[in-house]
Amino acid sequence: MANIKSQIKRNRQNERANERNRAVRSELKTRTKRVEAAIEAGEPTEELLKDAIKRIDQAAAKGVLHKNTAARRKARLAKKVNAAD
């Protein structure tokens, strides 16, 4: 356990940021799974894909994901949707 005041504060900040980032990553996984489930079921995916891409962009903007990681995820998701059409 840290006994330096600035490190104690930094640990608290890291815990809060970790919780926020975990929630964002969980949301991304959920949105992605919804798109993939719709593809499997043969349902329309346009609206779900749009929402998933929006969430990925938001995560990249907030620094939860690297911009290249976000681009890769969007491309793979779009590729799956296009292959299903």
PDB file of N, CA and C in Angstrom:
ATOM      1  N   MET A   1       0.845  -1.182   0.000  1.00  0.00           N
ATOM      2  CA  MET A   1       0.000   0.000   0.000  1.00  0.00           C
ATOM      3  C   MET A   1       0.886   1.240   0.000  1.00  0.00           C
ATOM      4  N   ALA A   2       0.520   2.196  -0.830  1.00  0.00           N
ATOM      5  CA  ALA A   2       1.310   3.420  -0.935  1.00  0.00           C
ATOM      6  C   ALA A   2       1.140   4.269   0.319  1.00  0.00           C
ATOM      7  N   ASN A   3       2.204   4.930   0.727  1.00  0.00           N
ATOM      8  CA  ASN A   3       2.083   5.836   1.867  1.00  0.00           C
ATOM      9  C   ASN A   3       2.448   7.262   1.473  1.00  0.00           C
ATOM     10  N   ILE A   4       2.558   7.497   0.171  1.00  0.00           N
ATOM     11  CA  ILE A   4       2.794   8.842  -0.341  1.00  0.00           C
ATOM     12  C   ILE A   4       1.439   9.399  -0.767  1.00  0.00           C
ATOM     13  N   LYS A   5       1.172  10.614  -0.320  1.00  0.00           N
ATOM     14  CA  LYS A   5      -0.154  11.206  -0.514  1.00  0.00           C
ATOM     15  C   LYS A   5      -0.577  11.256  -1.983  1.00  0.00           C
ATOM     16  N   SER A   6       0.334  11.651  -2.850  1.00  0.00           N
ATOM     17  CA  SER A   6      -0.003  11.767  -4.274  1.00  0.00           C
ATOM     18  C   SER A   6      -0.285  10.400  -4.894  1.00  0.00           C
ATOM     19  N   GLN A   7       0.422   9.379  -4.412  1.00  0.00           N
ATOM     20  CA  GLN A   7       0.198   8.033  -4.943  1.00  0.00           C
ATOM     21  C   GLN A   7      -1.134   7.456  -4.453  1.00  0.00           C
ATOM     22  N   ILE A   8      -1.516   7.778  -3.232  1.00  0.00           N
ATOM     23  CA  ILE A   8      -2.812   7.339  -2.710  1.00  0.00           C
ATOM     24  C   ILE A   8      -3.932   7.936  -3.562  1.00  0.00           C
ATOM     25  N   LYS A   9      -3.801   9.224  -3.873  1.00  0.00           N
ATOM     26  CA  LYS A   9      -4.802   9.892  -4.714  1.00  0.00           C
ATOM     27  C   LYS A   9      -4.802   9.281  -6.112  1.00  0.00           C
ATOM     28  N   ARG A  10      -3.644   9.034  -6.667  1.00  0.00           N
ATOM     29  CA  ARG A  10      -3.529   8.447  -8.003  1.00  0.00           C
ATOM     30  C   ARG A  10      -4.193   7.072  -8.036  1.00  0.00           C
ATOM     31  N   ASN A  11      -4.037   6.292  -6.977  1.00  0.00           N
ATOM     32  CA  ASN A  11      -4.678   4.971  -6.898  1.00  0.00           C
ATOM     33  C   ASN A  11      -6.195   5.094  -6.919  1.00  0.00           C
ATOM     34  N   ARG A  12      -6.727   6.079  -6.189  1.00  0.00           N
ATOM     35  CA  ARG A  12      -8.179   6.309  -6.191  1.00  0.00           C
ATOM     36  C   ARG A  12      -8.654   6.696  -7.590  1.00  0.00           C
ATOM     37  N   GLN A  13      -7.910   7.562  -8.245  1.00  0.00           N
ATOM     38  CA  GLN A  13      -8.278   7.989  -9.599  1.00  0.00           C
ATOM     39  C   GLN A  13      -8.252   6.809 -10.561  1.00  0.00           C
ATOM     40  N   ASN A  14      -7.238   5.968 -10.426  1.00  0.00           N
ATOM     41  CA  ASN A  14      -7.111   4.804 -11.313  1.00  0.00           C
ATOM     42  C   ASN A  14      -8.276   3.842 -11.133  1.00  0.00           C
ATOM     43  N   GLU A  15      -8.707   3.665  -9.899  1.00  0.00           N
ATOM     44  CA  GLU A  15      -9.845   2.773  -9.640  1.00  0.00           C
ATOM     45  C   GLU A  15     -11.116   3.287 -10.301  1.00  0.00           C
ATOM     46  N   ARG A  16     -11.360   4.592 -10.183  1.00  0.00           N
ATOM     47  CA  ARG A  16     -12.562   5.174 -10.797  1.00  0.00           C
ATOM     48  C   ARG A  16     -12.496   5.080 -12.317  1.00  0.00           C
ATOM     49  N   ALA A  17     -11.333   5.379 -12.893  1.00  0.00           N
ATOM     50  CA  ALA A  17     -11.183   5.305 -14.349  1.00  0.00           C
ATOM     51  C   ALA A  17     -11.342   3.871 -14.821  1.00  0.00           C
ATOM     52  N   ASN A  18     -10.820   2.924 -14.042  1.00  0.00           N
ATOM     53  CA  ASN A  18     -10.918   1.513 -14.394  1.00  0.00           C
ATOM     54  C   ASN A  18     -12.376   1.070 -14.446  1.00  0.00           C
ATOM     55  N   GLU A  19     -13.177   1.526 -13.490  1.00  0.00           N
ATOM     56  CA  GLU A  19     -14.605   1.182 -13.485  1.00  0.00           C
ATOM     57  C   GLU A  19     -15.304   1.740 -14.709  1.00  0.00           C
ATOM     58  N   ARG A  20     -15.020   3.002 -15.031  1.00  0.00           N
ATOM     59  CA  ARG A  20     -15.642   3.625 -16.207  1.00  0.00           C
ATOM     60  C   ARG A  20     -15.239   2.893 -17.479  1.00  0.00           C
ATOM     61  N   ASN A  21     -13.943   2.607 -17.622  1.00  0.00           N
ATOM     62  CA  ASN A  21     -13.446   1.934 -18.821  1.00  0.00           C
ATOM     63  C   ASN A  21     -14.020   0.535 -18.936  1.00  0.00           C
ATOM     64  N   ARG A  22     -14.161  -0.163 -17.817  1.00  0.00           N
ATOM     65  CA  ARG A  22     -14.721  -1.514 -17.827  1.00  0.00           C
ATOM     66  C   ARG A  22     -16.163  -1.480 -18.333  1.00  0.00           C
ATOM     67  N   ALA A  23     -16.911  -0.466 -17.889  1.00  0.00           N
ATOM     68  CA  ALA A  23     -18.304  -0.328 -18.327  1.00  0.00           C
ATOM     69  C   ALA A  23     -18.384  -0.066 -19.831  1.00  0.00           C
ATOM     70  N   VAL A  24     -17.487   0.771 -20.334  1.00  0.00           N
ATOM     71  CA  VAL A  24     -17.481   1.094 -21.760  1.00  0.00           C
ATOM     72  C   VAL A  24     -17.115  -0.148 -22.579  1.00  0.00           C
ATOM     73  N   ARG A  25     -16.099  -0.883 -22.144  1.00  0.00           N
ATOM     74  CA  ARG A  25     -15.684  -2.094 -22.876  1.00  0.00           C
ATOM     75  C   ARG A  25     -16.785  -3.143 -22.857  1.00  0.00           C
ATOM     76  N   SER A  26     -17.482  -3.259 -21.744  1.00  0.00           N
ATOM     77  CA  SER A  26     -18.592  -4.204 -21.642  1.00  0.00           C
ATOM     78  C   SER A  26     -19.695  -3.826 -22.622  1.00  0.00           C
ATOM     79  N   GLU A  27     -19.980  -2.546 -22.710  1.00  0.00           N
ATOM     80  CA  GLU A  27     -21.006  -2.051 -23.640  1.00  0.00           C
ATOM     81  C   GLU A  27     -20.617  -2.370 -25.083  1.00  0.00           C
ATOM     82  N   LEU A  28     -19.346  -2.211 -25.402  1.00  0.00           N
ATOM     83  CA  LEU A  28     -18.870  -2.516 -26.757  1.00  0.00           C
ATOM     84  C   LEU A  28     -19.087  -3.991 -27.088  1.00  0.00           C
ATOM     85  N   LYS A  29     -18.766  -4.853 -26.140  1.00  0.00           N
ATOM     86  CA  LYS A  29     -18.945  -6.286 -26.357  1.00  0.00           C
ATOM     87  C   LYS A  29     -20.413  -6.617 -26.569  1.00  0.00           C
ATOM     88  N   THR A  30     -21.284  -5.986 -25.780  1.00  0.00           N
ATOM     89  CA  THR A  30     -22.721  -6.230 -25.893  1.00  0.00           C
ATOM     90  C   THR A  30     -23.226  -5.812 -27.266  1.00  0.00           C
ATOM     91  N   ARG A  31     -22.853  -4.623 -27.709  1.00  0.00           N
ATOM     92  CA  ARG A  31     -23.312  -4.119 -29.009  1.00  0.00           C
ATOM     93  C   ARG A  31     -22.814  -5.002 -30.145  1.00  0.00           C
ATOM     94  N   THR A  32     -21.567  -5.445 -30.039  1.00  0.00           N
ATOM     95  CA  THR A  32     -20.997  -6.304 -31.069  1.00  0.00           C
ATOM     96  C   THR A  32     -21.736  -7.644 -31.120  1.00  0.00           C
ATOM     97  N   LYS A  33     -22.013  -8.204 -29.949  1.00  0.00           N
ATOM     98  CA  LYS A  33     -22.728  -9.481 -29.892  1.00  0.00           C
ATOM     99  C   LYS A  33     -24.127  -9.359 -30.472  1.00  0.00           C
ATOM    100  N   ARG A  34     -24.784  -8.221 -30.248  1.00  0.00           N
ATOM    101  CA  ARG A  34     -26.123  -8.014 -30.799  1.00  0.00           C
ATOM    102  C   ARG A  34     -26.092  -8.032 -32.321  1.00  0.00           C
ATOM    103  N   VAL A  35     -25.086  -7.389 -32.904  1.00  0.00           N
ATOM    104  CA  VAL A  35     -24.956  -7.369 -34.364  1.00  0.00           C
ATOM    105  C   VAL A  35     -24.719  -8.789 -34.869  1.00  0.00           C
ATOM    106  N   GLU A  36     -23.805  -9.512 -34.221  1.00  0.00           N
ATOM    107  CA  GLU A  36     -23.484 -10.874 -34.662  1.00  0.00           C
ATOM    108  C   GLU A  36     -24.679 -11.801 -34.498  1.00  0.00           C
ATOM    109  N   ALA A  37     -25.459 -11.613 -33.429  1.00  0.00           N
ATOM    110  CA  ALA A  37     -26.653 -12.437 -33.222  1.00  0.00           C
ATOM    111  C   ALA A  37     -27.692 -12.157 -34.302  1.00  0.00           C
ATOM    112  N   ALA A  38     -27.818 -10.899 -34.693  1.00  0.00           N
ATOM    113  CA  ALA A  38     -28.770 -10.540 -35.750  1.00  0.00           C
ATOM    114  C   ALA A  38     -28.353 -11.141 -37.087  1.00  0.00           C
ATOM    115  N   ILE A  39     -27.041 -11.188 -37.323  1.00  0.00           N
ATOM    116  CA  ILE A  39     -26.536 -11.806 -38.554  1.00  0.00           C
ATOM    117  C   ILE A  39     -26.899 -13.287 -38.566  1.00  0.00           C
ATOM    118  N   GLU A  40     -26.671 -13.949 -37.446  1.00  0.00           N
ATOM    119  CA  GLU A  40     -26.981 -15.385 -37.327  1.00  0.00           C
ATOM    120  C   GLU A  40     -28.466 -15.655 -37.571  1.00  0.00           C
ATOM    121  N   ALA A  41     -29.310 -14.775 -37.021  1.00  0.00           N
ATOM    122  CA  ALA A  41     -30.751 -14.968 -37.111  1.00  0.00           C
ATOM    123  C   ALA A  41     -31.319 -14.489 -38.445  1.00  0.00           C
ATOM    124  N   GLY A  42     -30.508 -13.820 -39.236  1.00  0.00           N
ATOM    125  CA  GLY A  42     -30.971 -13.315 -40.520  1.00  0.00           C
ATOM    126  C   GLY A  42     -31.849 -12.084 -40.395  1.00  0.00           C
ATOM    127  N   GLU A  43     -31.711 -11.373 -39.309  1.00  0.00           N
ATOM    128  CA  GLU A  43     -32.494 -10.158 -39.077  1.00  0.00           C
ATOM    129  C   GLU A  43     -31.759  -8.955 -39.662  1.00  0.00           C
ATOM    130  N   PRO A  44     -32.466  -7.832 -39.831  1.00  0.00           N
ATOM    131  CA  PRO A  44     -31.802  -6.614 -40.326  1.00  0.00           C
ATOM    132  C   PRO A  44     -30.769  -6.109 -39.315  1.00  0.00           C
ATOM    133  N   THR A  45     -29.612  -5.740 -39.813  1.00  0.00           N
ATOM    134  CA  THR A  45     -28.505  -5.358 -38.932  1.00  0.00           C
ATOM    135  C   THR A  45     -28.113  -3.892 -39.072  1.00  0.00           C
ATOM    136  N   GLU A  46     -28.757  -3.176 -39.965  1.00  0.00           N
ATOM    137  CA  GLU A  46     -28.338  -1.815 -40.275  1.00  0.00           C
ATOM    138  C   GLU A  46     -28.313  -0.914 -39.037  1.00  0.00           C
ATOM    139  N   GLU A  47     -29.414  -0.907 -38.295  1.00  0.00           N
ATOM    140  CA  GLU A  47     -29.532  -0.043 -37.111  1.00  0.00           C
ATOM    141  C   GLU A  47     -28.569  -0.491 -36.008  1.00  0.00           C
ATOM    142  N   LEU A  48     -28.440  -1.798 -35.824  1.00  0.00           N
ATOM    143  CA  LEU A  48     -27.536  -2.324 -34.796  1.00  0.00           C
ATOM    144  C   LEU A  48     -26.079  -2.001 -35.123  1.00  0.00           C
ATOM    145  N   LEU A  49     -25.728  -2.141 -36.402  1.00  0.00           N
ATOM    146  CA  LEU A  49     -24.355  -1.841 -36.832  1.00  0.00           C
ATOM    147  C   LEU A  49     -24.045  -0.366 -36.604  1.00  0.00           C
ATOM    148  N   LYS A  50     -24.990   0.490 -36.952  1.00  0.00           N
ATOM    149  CA  LYS A  50     -24.809   1.929 -36.775  1.00  0.00           C
ATOM    150  C   LYS A  50     -24.558   2.263 -35.304  1.00  0.00           C
ATOM    151  N   ASP A  51     -25.331   1.649 -34.427  1.00  0.00           N
ATOM    152  CA  ASP A  51     -25.196   1.894 -32.990  1.00  0.00           C
ATOM    153  C   ASP A  51     -23.858   1.368 -32.470  1.00  0.00           C
ATOM    154  N   ALA A  52     -23.457   0.187 -32.931  1.00  0.00           N
ATOM    155  CA  ALA A  52     -22.185  -0.396 -32.486  1.00  0.00           C
ATOM    156  C   ALA A  52     -21.009   0.476 -32.920  1.00  0.00           C
ATOM    157  N   ILE A  53     -21.055   0.955 -34.144  1.00  0.00           N
ATOM    158  CA  ILE A  53     -19.975   1.803 -34.659  1.00  0.00           C
ATOM    159  C   ILE A  53     -19.916   3.117 -33.877  1.00  0.00           C
ATOM    160  N   LYS A  54     -21.074   3.646 -33.535  1.00  0.00           N
ATOM    161  CA  LYS A  54     -21.121   4.879 -32.742  1.00  0.00           C
ATOM    162  C   LYS A  54     -20.439   4.673 -31.395  1.00  0.00           C
ATOM    163  N   ARG A  55     -20.747   3.552 -30.738  1.00  0.00           N
ATOM    164  CA  ARG A  55     -20.146   3.270 -29.424  1.00  0.00           C
ATOM    165  C   ARG A  55     -18.635   3.061 -29.538  1.00  0.00           C
ATOM    166  N   ILE A  56     -18.192   2.409 -30.588  1.00  0.00           N
ATOM    167  CA  ILE A  56     -16.759   2.193 -30.792  1.00  0.00           C
ATOM    168  C   ILE A  56     -16.056   3.538 -30.978  1.00  0.00           C
ATOM    169  N   ASP A  57     -16.665   4.424 -31.771  1.00  0.00           N
ATOM    170  CA  ASP A  57     -16.081   5.754 -31.976  1.00  0.00           C
ATOM    171  C   ASP A  57     -16.012   6.544 -30.675  1.00  0.00           C
ATOM    172  N   GLN A  58     -17.055   6.445 -29.853  1.00  0.00           N
ATOM    173  CA  GLN A  58     -17.059   7.149 -28.574  1.00  0.00           C
ATOM    174  C   GLN A  58     -15.950   6.624 -27.663  1.00  0.00           C
ATOM    175  N   ALA A  59     -15.769   5.305 -27.654  1.00  0.00           N
ATOM    176  CA  ALA A  59     -14.723   4.715 -26.819  1.00  0.00           C
ATOM    177  C   ALA A  59     -13.345   5.190 -27.270  1.00  0.00           C
ATOM    178  N   ALA A  60     -13.148   5.287 -28.577  1.00  0.00           N
ATOM    179  CA  ALA A  60     -11.862   5.755 -29.101  1.00  0.00           C
ATOM    180  C   ALA A  60     -11.651   7.224 -28.746  1.00  0.00           C
ATOM    181  N   ALA A  61     -12.705   8.012 -28.809  1.00  0.00           N
ATOM    182  CA  ALA A  61     -12.595   9.435 -28.501  1.00  0.00           C
ATOM    183  C   ALA A  61     -12.247   9.662 -27.030  1.00  0.00           C
ATOM    184  N   LYS A  62     -12.750   8.793 -26.162  1.00  0.00           N
ATOM    185  CA  LYS A  62     -12.490   8.937 -24.731  1.00  0.00           C
ATOM    186  C   LYS A  62     -11.183   8.282 -24.307  1.00  0.00           C
ATOM    187  N   GLY A  63     -10.505   7.607 -25.234  1.00  0.00           N
ATOM    188  CA  GLY A  63      -9.219   6.999 -24.923  1.00  0.00           C
ATOM    189  C   GLY A  63      -9.314   5.602 -24.346  1.00  0.00           C
ATOM    190  N   VAL A  64     -10.506   5.009 -24.383  1.00  0.00           N
ATOM    191  CA  VAL A  64     -10.650   3.639 -23.891  1.00  0.00           C
ATOM    192  C   VAL A  64     -10.036   2.679 -24.906  1.00  0.00           C
ATOM    193  N   LEU A  65     -10.222   2.987 -26.190  1.00  0.00           N
ATOM    194  CA  LEU A  65      -9.630   2.197 -27.267  1.00  0.00           C
ATOM    195  C   LEU A  65      -8.674   3.076 -28.065  1.00  0.00           C
ATOM    196  N   HIS A  66      -7.631   2.465 -28.581  1.00  0.00           N
ATOM    197  CA  HIS A  66      -6.747   3.154 -29.505  1.00  0.00           C
ATOM    198  C   HIS A  66      -7.488   3.342 -30.820  1.00  0.00           C
ATOM    199  N   LYS A  67      -7.182   4.408 -31.545  1.00  0.00           N
ATOM    200  CA  LYS A  67      -7.941   4.703 -32.767  1.00  0.00           C
ATOM    201  C   LYS A  67      -7.795   3.599 -33.813  1.00  0.00           C
ATOM    202  N   ASN A  68      -6.638   2.973 -33.891  1.00  0.00           N
ATOM    203  CA  ASN A  68      -6.463   1.886 -34.859  1.00  0.00           C
ATOM    204  C   ASN A  68      -7.248   0.644 -34.450  1.00  0.00           C
ATOM    205  N   THR A  69      -7.338   0.400 -33.161  1.00  0.00           N
ATOM    206  CA  THR A  69      -8.126  -0.717 -32.657  1.00  0.00           C
ATOM    207  C   THR A  69      -9.595  -0.493 -32.985  1.00  0.00           C
ATOM    208  N   ALA A  70     -10.048   0.737 -32.804  1.00  0.00           N
ATOM    209  CA  ALA A  70     -11.438   1.076 -33.118  1.00  0.00           C
ATOM    210  C   ALA A  70     -11.709   0.874 -34.604  1.00  0.00           C
ATOM    211  N   ALA A  71     -10.793   1.325 -35.438  1.00  0.00           N
ATOM    212  CA  ALA A  71     -10.954   1.183 -36.889  1.00  0.00           C
ATOM    213  C   ALA A  71     -10.993  -0.290 -37.281  1.00  0.00           C
ATOM    214  N   ARG A  72     -10.139  -1.084 -36.671  1.00  0.00           N
ATOM    215  CA  ARG A  72     -10.099  -2.520 -36.977  1.00  0.00           C
ATOM    216  C   ARG A  72     -11.402  -3.200 -36.578  1.00  0.00           C
ATOM    217  N   ARG A  73     -11.908  -2.874 -35.397  1.00  0.00           N
ATOM    218  CA  ARG A  73     -13.158  -3.485 -34.930  1.00  0.00           C
ATOM    219  C   ARG A  73     -14.325  -3.111 -35.830  1.00  0.00           C
ATOM    220  N   LYS A  74     -14.377  -1.838 -36.232  1.00  0.00           N
ATOM    221  CA  LYS A  74     -15.461  -1.393 -37.110  1.00  0.00           C
ATOM    222  C   LYS A  74     -15.378  -2.102 -38.456  1.00  0.00           C
ATOM    223  N   ALA A  75     -14.170  -2.226 -38.979  1.00  0.00           N
ATOM    224  CA  ALA A  75     -13.993  -2.861 -40.284  1.00  0.00           C
ATOM    225  C   ALA A  75     -14.391  -4.336 -40.237  1.00  0.00           C
ATOM    226  N   ARG A  76     -14.005  -5.020 -39.188  1.00  0.00           N
ATOM    227  CA  ARG A  76     -14.344  -6.441 -39.074  1.00  0.00           C
ATOM    228  C   ARG A  76     -15.851  -6.636 -38.928  1.00  0.00           C
ATOM    229  N   LEU A  77     -16.479  -5.756 -38.168  1.00  0.00           N
ATOM    230  CA  LEU A  77     -17.918  -5.860 -37.966  1.00  0.00           C
ATOM    231  C   LEU A  77     -18.661  -5.587 -39.292  1.00  0.00           C
ATOM    232  N   ALA A  78     -18.227  -4.543 -40.005  1.00  0.00           N
ATOM    233  CA  ALA A  78     -18.851  -4.223 -41.289  1.00  0.00           C
ATOM    234  C   ALA A  78     -18.641  -5.359 -42.284  1.00  0.00           C
ATOM    235  N   LYS A  79     -17.469  -5.962 -42.230  1.00  0.00           N
ATOM    236  CA  LYS A  79     -17.167  -7.073 -43.147  1.00  0.00           C
ATOM    237  C   LYS A  79     -18.117  -8.248 -42.888  1.00  0.00           C
ATOM    238  N   LYS A  80     -18.377  -8.547 -41.622  1.00  0.00           N
ATOM    239  CA  LYS A  80     -19.299  -9.631 -41.279  1.00  0.00           C
ATOM    240  C   LYS A  80     -20.712  -9.326 -41.778  1.00  0.00           C
ATOM    241  N   VAL A  81     -21.138  -8.085 -41.592  1.00  0.00           N
ATOM    242  CA  VAL A  81     -22.477  -7.685 -42.029  1.00  0.00           C
ATOM    243  C   VAL A  81     -22.586  -7.782 -43.549  1.00  0.00           C
ATOM    244  N   ASN A  82     -21.584  -7.292 -44.257  1.00  0.00           N
ATOM    245  CA  ASN A  82     -21.607  -7.331 -45.720  1.00  0.00           C
ATOM    246  C   ASN A  82     -21.553  -8.746 -46.269  1.00  0.00           C
ATOM    247  N   ALA A  83     -20.824  -9.616 -45.570  1.00  0.00           N
ATOM    248  CA  ALA A  83     -20.743 -11.015 -46.019  1.00  0.00           C
ATOM    249  C   ALA A  83     -22.080 -11.728 -45.839  1.00  0.00           C
ATOM    250  N   ALA A  84     -22.850 -11.293 -44.847  1.00  0.00           N
ATOM    251  CA  ALA A  84     -24.134 -11.931 -44.579  1.00  0.00           C
ATOM    252  C   ALA A  84     -25.212 -11.507 -45.588  1.00  0.00           C
ATOM    253  N   ASP A  85     -25.022 -10.352 -46.227  1.00  0.00           N
ATOM    254  CA  ASP A  85     -26.030  -9.847 -47.172  1.00  0.00           C
ATOM    255  C   ASP A  85     -26.086 -10.628 -48.452  1.00  0.00           C
TER     256      ASP A  85
END
